[in-house]
Amino acid sequence: MAVLVRGKNTRKPYTVRWWLNGKQREKSFVTRKEATDFKTRVEYESRTQSFVDPKLGSIRFGDYAESVVGSMAVAPNTLYGYRTGLKAWTLPYAGDRTLAQIAVDREGVTNLVNNVMRDATGKLLSYSRRNAVRGVIVAVLDEAVRAGRLQNHRLSDIDIVTSDELTTHADFVFPAYEQIRLLSAALASFGPVVWLMRGCGLRISEALAVHREDFLEDGAILRVSGQSAAREDRKIPLKRRKAGEYRDVPVPAYLWEIVKDLPNGPVCPDPRTGGYIRYLTVYKRFISARAMLGIPEGFTPHSLRHAFASALLANGVPITEVAAWLGHRNIAVTYQTYAHLIPSAASRGRSVLDAEYSQWSAQQDRSSEH
């Protein structure tokens, strides 16, 4: 049972007192209506056993976030990315505020991910980086709700605006065959990474972890089962996947010709150790070779992955299949990035209906002849 009393605090004169776990709690309000509404909620939630003590949501968001992120069951590369975003963007915005304050600050989080997160030139960071920051904030608050520290939060469906970087379709750079060939040749022993990314839509770290024996069914399928660690010479689970999870991707004939005679083991082994090449080694070599060849700066390693997805979607391959081959857990990510490349559903529908009519009318004409 909660009681409403008139206190001596002139700024917040109305106080609600109630008992929780054998201890008296109280909360003060400016107006009587606020106090009465809170009293009613306390009594209802006490009866339904859904009441959350406001004090539990008063801990620092930063402290709780670091604890939650540190215990996430994700791959080391993913965890490194989460912690980087937490340090660079989330903690400066939310670190010293409480869980309860962040849980209701929808406008603040929206502004953070859609306006504040920019590089030194003023460009918005990529969609994926901003979405990762939003995802971590939501994950922390979701855990707080599960732990009984919050009753709910208001951040679960914040939209991320399209970035003005490569995730914006107007800025896609589609590499020509000759550019890819020259780049692959310039990368020498790292060259197959370029064709793995273009031919199967792999990320750099996934391409570096491909073994010759990962090609199945006489080279028709590539089983992508892991990625190289950012700072270690070992194979780790795929992005946002558990150990043992994989995806099968179709392999173009030209890629199979490149790899079919290679020995078992990494397709692009480190020439010194025979293990995996590090991500930054390949990335830096890629950028250097691109500059040497005079290829535009907009052509990045990720352009190869974009070109893979774009070629498939523009030629009518269902987006559900493309999303699975790219390793997108949420098809909404694929759709937001590549929807403009999908042939018009209206045009396809009209063609089907026209063809149906032609067939139907022809049958009708034949029937009338008899």
Foldseek 3Di string as FASTA:
>chain_A
DKDWDQPPPQQFGIKIWDDDPNDIDMDTHRDPVVNVVVNVVVVVCVVVVLDFDQVLQFDFLQVLLVVQLVPDPWWPVLSVLLVVCCVPQVCVQGGRGTNVVVQEPQVSLLCRLAQVQDDPVRWHDAQVSSVSNLVSNVSSNVVCCVVRSDVGGDSPDRDHDHTPACLAVVLQDADDPVRLVQLLVLVPLCSLLSVCCQFQLEDSQQLLQFWLVQQDDLNQKGKRAFGQDQPDQDTIGDGVDHHPDIAITTGDPVSCVVRVPPDTAGSRADPVPRTTDHPVVVQVSSQVSCVVVVHDPSDHSSSSSVNNLLVCQLVANDLVVSCRSNVPPDSVSVCSRHVVSHPDPVVVVVVVVVVVVVVVVVVVVVVVVD
